[in-house]
Amino acid sequence: MPYYTEAQIEQVRSIDLLSYLQTYEPTELIHVRGNTYCTREHDSLKIASDGRWYWWSRGFGGYSALDYLIKVKGMQFMDAMKILSNGRQLSLKNDAVLGENGHVEGKRKLLLPERSETNLEVVRYLSSRGIDREIIRDCIDEGLLYESLPYHNCIFVGFDENGKAAYACYRATNGERLMGDAAGSDKRYAFRINSLLRYVFVSIKT
């Protein structure tokens, strides 16, 4: 029987359902509207681009592809781990994106979670973690950080050399251990604040 370390389990839990379906079951994924999807088998199972999903007709949901395989597909934990541990880098391997007709259409695009009108929860959470409010505000003003809907997660955005958003990661603001990459993220353009870091260094030095 295979054995998985806590680090391996944590890595598998970071695989979001949208990325899993795009890679392994693309014909099962249906675009509903905006950044919301459902599955062909269960049209009441809604999937958001920040990694969460909810099966409305059954009244439960989850955060990851692992939750989906266990709760929806009825797999045993070890069987689900075996499938996902072989594909834990799937977000880097697949460049395909589904169109509204369910067919693969060229390069995979970044699916940014919907923006909240305010960033109150993001500011509250990050400042409670010891991050200076001025740094938080600078990141928001530069488009590097925002608060998502409907879960009010922190969304950290990375841009490519042309100034286009190419990467986003999310982290829960409510104390839950929920974090991961938005579907379609390109890790080559991960969130970074080099210019702000230089500013912080100078401030500390003086």
Protein backbone atom coordinates (compact mmCIF):
# COMPACT_ATOMS: atom_id res chain seq x y z
CA MET A 1 0.00 0.00 0.00
CA PRO A 2 1.44 3.44 -0.92
CA TYR A 3 2.33 5.91 1.81
CA TYR A 4 2.00 9.65 1.52
CA THR A 5 3.75 12.21 3.67
CA GLU A 6 1.98 15.26 5.06
CA ALA A 7 3.87 17.40 2.53
CA GLN A 8 2.64 15.23 -0.37
CA ILE A 9 -0.94 15.37 0.90
CA GLU A 10 -0.74 19.14 1.28
CA GLN A 11 0.60 19.45 -2.27
CA VAL A 12 -2.23 17.33 -3.66
CA ARG A 13 -4.79 19.37 -1.73
CA SER A 14 -3.53 22.47 -3.56
CA ILE A 15 -4.84 21.12 -6.90
CA ASP A 16 -8.06 22.95 -7.67
CA LEU A 17 -11.02 21.19 -9.26
CA LEU A 18 -11.12 23.44 -12.32
CA SER A 19 -7.52 22.60 -13.27
CA TYR A 20 -8.14 18.91 -12.67
CA LEU A 21 -11.21 18.83 -14.92
CA GLN A 22 -9.52 20.88 -17.64
CA THR A 23 -6.69 18.36 -17.73
CA TYR A 24 -8.32 14.97 -17.13
CA GLU A 25 -12.03 15.40 -17.88
CA PRO A 26 -12.36 18.37 -20.27
CA THR A 27 -15.63 17.14 -21.77
CA GLU A 28 -17.13 17.11 -18.27
CA LEU A 29 -16.60 20.85 -17.75
CA ILE A 30 -19.34 23.30 -18.79
CA HIS A 31 -19.03 27.10 -18.75
CA VAL A 32 -21.98 28.71 -16.95
CA ARG A 33 -21.14 32.42 -16.84
CA GLY A 34 -18.19 34.65 -16.02
CA ASN A 35 -15.73 32.55 -14.03
CA THR A 36 -18.31 29.97 -12.96
CA TYR A 37 -18.45 26.41 -14.30
CA CYS A 38 -20.42 23.26 -13.63
CA THR A 39 -19.99 19.61 -14.59
CA ARG A 40 -21.88 17.89 -17.37
CA GLU A 41 -22.96 15.13 -14.98
CA HIS A 42 -24.10 17.48 -12.20
CA ASP A 43 -25.34 20.86 -13.40
CA SER A 44 -25.93 22.05 -9.82
CA LEU A 45 -22.28 21.49 -8.92
CA LYS A 46 -20.82 24.96 -9.41
CA ILE A 47 -17.06 25.61 -9.59
CA ALA A 48 -15.40 28.99 -8.99
CA SER A 49 -11.98 30.00 -10.28
CA ASP A 50 -10.60 30.49 -6.76
CA GLY A 51 -10.68 26.75 -6.16
CA ARG A 52 -13.95 26.29 -4.32
CA TRP A 53 -16.90 24.25 -5.52
CA TYR A 54 -20.38 23.64 -4.16
CA TRP A 55 -22.95 20.98 -5.03
CA TRP A 56 -26.16 22.91 -4.46
CA SER A 57 -28.60 20.00 -4.91
CA ARG A 58 -26.76 18.00 -2.23
CA GLY A 59 -25.89 20.88 0.08
CA PHE A 60 -22.13 20.43 0.41
CA GLY A 61 -18.92 21.52 -1.26
CA GLY A 62 -15.17 21.51 -1.02
CA TYR A 63 -11.93 23.29 -1.78
CA SER A 64 -10.03 20.94 -4.07
CA ALA A 65 -9.98 18.17 -6.65
CA LEU A 66 -9.25 15.75 -3.80
CA ASP A 67 -12.49 16.72 -2.06
CA TYR A 68 -14.35 16.26 -5.35
CA LEU A 69 -13.04 12.77 -6.03
CA ILE A 70 -13.86 11.64 -2.50
CA LYS A 71 -17.20 13.40 -1.89
CA VAL A 72 -18.70 13.36 -5.39
CA LYS A 73 -17.04 10.43 -7.14
CA GLY A 74 -17.08 8.25 -4.00
CA MET A 75 -13.39 7.31 -4.18
CA GLN A 76 -11.37 6.12 -1.23
CA PHE A 77 -8.76 8.61 -0.02
CA MET A 78 -5.79 6.49 -1.14
CA ASP A 79 -7.25 5.95 -4.62
CA ALA A 80 -7.86 9.67 -5.06
CA MET A 81 -4.36 10.46 -3.81
CA LYS A 82 -2.86 8.04 -6.33
CA ILE A 83 -4.60 9.79 -9.23
CA LEU A 84 -3.78 13.31 -8.11
CA SER A 85 -0.23 12.68 -6.93
CA ASN A 86 0.59 11.58 -10.48
CA GLY A 87 -0.86 14.88 -11.75
CA ARG A 88 0.09 17.35 -9.04
CA GLN A 89 1.92 19.50 -11.58
CA LEU A 90 -1.04 19.50 -13.96
CA SER A 91 -1.42 23.27 -13.80
CA LEU A 92 2.01 23.53 -15.45
CA LYS A 93 1.55 20.76 -18.00
CA ASN A 94 -1.67 21.82 -19.67
CA ASP A 95 -1.97 24.84 -21.95
CA ALA A 96 -5.51 24.13 -23.13
CA VAL A 97 -8.59 26.13 -22.21
CA LEU A 98 -12.22 25.22 -22.68
CA GLY A 99 -14.53 27.45 -24.64
CA GLU A 100 -18.22 27.83 -23.91
CA ASN A 101 -18.94 24.97 -26.30
CA GLY A 102 -16.83 22.60 -24.24
CA HIS A 103 -14.07 22.24 -26.82
CA VAL A 104 -10.40 22.98 -26.30
CA GLU A 105 -9.48 26.38 -27.69
CA GLY A 106 -5.78 27.20 -27.91
CA LYS A 107 -3.76 28.39 -24.94
CA ARG A 108 -5.23 28.21 -21.51
CA LYS A 109 -6.27 31.56 -20.04
CA LEU A 110 -6.04 32.89 -16.53
CA LEU A 111 -9.39 32.86 -14.73
CA LEU A 112 -9.32 35.68 -12.22
CA PRO A 113 -11.89 35.51 -9.39
CA GLU A 114 -14.54 38.23 -9.39
CA ARG A 115 -13.55 41.44 -7.60
CA SER A 116 -15.30 42.77 -4.53
CA GLU A 117 -16.23 46.46 -4.51
CA THR A 118 -14.10 46.92 -1.39
CA ASN A 119 -10.89 45.44 0.01
CA LEU A 120 -11.83 45.69 3.68
CA GLU A 121 -11.36 42.01 4.55
CA VAL A 122 -8.04 41.83 2.69
CA VAL A 123 -6.70 44.87 4.53
CA ARG A 124 -7.97 43.55 7.87
CA TYR A 125 -6.49 40.09 7.37
CA LEU A 126 -3.08 41.11 6.02
CA SER A 127 -2.60 43.87 8.60
CA SER A 128 -3.43 41.33 11.32
CA ARG A 129 -0.57 39.24 9.91
CA GLY A 130 1.84 42.09 10.55
CA ILE A 131 1.99 43.61 7.05
CA ASP A 132 2.11 47.39 7.00
CA ARG A 133 -1.10 48.99 5.74
CA GLU A 134 0.84 51.29 3.41
CA ILE A 135 2.35 48.28 1.65
CA ILE A 136 -1.09 46.69 1.39
CA ARG A 137 -2.55 49.87 -0.09
CA ASP A 138 0.34 50.19 -2.57
CA CYS A 139 -0.27 46.62 -3.76
CA ILE A 140 -3.99 47.32 -4.18
CA ASP A 141 -3.34 50.57 -6.05
CA GLU A 142 -0.91 48.83 -8.42
CA GLY A 143 -3.39 46.02 -9.15
CA LEU A 144 -1.23 43.39 -7.45
CA LEU A 145 -3.80 42.61 -4.76
CA TYR A 146 -7.58 42.62 -4.42
CA GLU A 147 -10.47 41.02 -2.54
CA SER A 148 -12.59 38.43 -4.33
CA LEU A 149 -16.27 37.56 -4.39
CA PRO A 150 -18.13 35.74 -3.02
CA TYR A 151 -15.62 34.43 -0.44
CA HIS A 152 -13.56 37.61 0.21
CA ASN A 153 -10.23 35.87 -0.30
CA CYS A 154 -6.93 37.70 -0.85
CA ILE A 155 -6.02 37.52 -4.55
CA PHE A 156 -2.36 38.14 -5.37
CA VAL A 157 -1.75 38.89 -9.06
CA GLY A 158 1.38 38.50 -11.17
CA PHE A 159 1.90 40.22 -14.54
CA ASP A 160 3.86 39.18 -17.63
CA GLU A 161 6.40 41.33 -19.50
CA ASN A 162 3.55 43.03 -21.39
CA GLY A 163 1.79 44.08 -18.20
CA LYS A 164 -0.98 41.50 -18.61
CA ALA A 165 -2.20 39.46 -15.63
CA ALA A 166 -0.76 35.96 -16.07
CA TYR A 167 -0.82 34.53 -12.56
CA ALA A 168 -3.01 34.72 -9.47
CA CYS A 169 -2.99 32.94 -6.15
CA TYR A 170 -5.59 33.10 -3.41
CA ARG A 171 -5.64 32.83 0.38
CA ALA A 172 -8.63 32.76 2.70
CA THR A 173 -9.14 35.71 5.04
CA ASN A 174 -11.44 33.89 7.48
CA GLY A 175 -8.84 31.77 9.25
CA GLU A 176 -9.37 28.66 7.12
CA ARG A 177 -6.29 26.98 5.64
CA LEU A 178 -7.32 27.64 2.05
CA MET A 179 -4.69 28.67 -0.48
CA GLY A 180 -3.71 27.86 -4.03
CA ASP A 181 -3.32 29.13 -7.59
CA ALA A 182 -6.19 30.34 -9.75
CA ALA A 183 -6.88 28.15 -12.77
CA GLY A 184 -4.72 29.03 -15.76
CA SER A 185 -1.94 30.60 -13.70
CA ASP A 186 1.55 30.72 -15.21
CA LYS A 187 4.04 30.37 -12.35
CA ARG A 188 6.73 32.13 -14.38
CA TYR A 189 4.91 35.36 -13.55
CA ALA A 190 4.25 34.80 -9.86
CA PHE A 191 3.22 37.67 -7.59
CA ARG A 192 6.16 39.91 -6.70
CA ILE A 193 6.68 43.41 -5.31
CA ASN A 194 10.34 44.07 -6.04
CA SER A 195 9.98 47.85 -6.22
CA LEU A 196 8.11 47.94 -2.94
CA LEU A 197 10.66 45.68 -1.29
CA ARG A 198 13.41 48.12 -2.17
CA TYR A 199 11.37 50.87 -0.59
CA VAL A 200 10.91 48.86 2.60
CA PHE A 201 14.65 48.13 2.74
CA VAL A 202 15.53 51.82 2.50
CA SER A 203 13.00 52.72 5.18
CA ILE A 204 14.43 50.16 7.60
CA LYS A 205 18.00 51.21 6.85
CA THR A 206 17.34 54.88 7.59
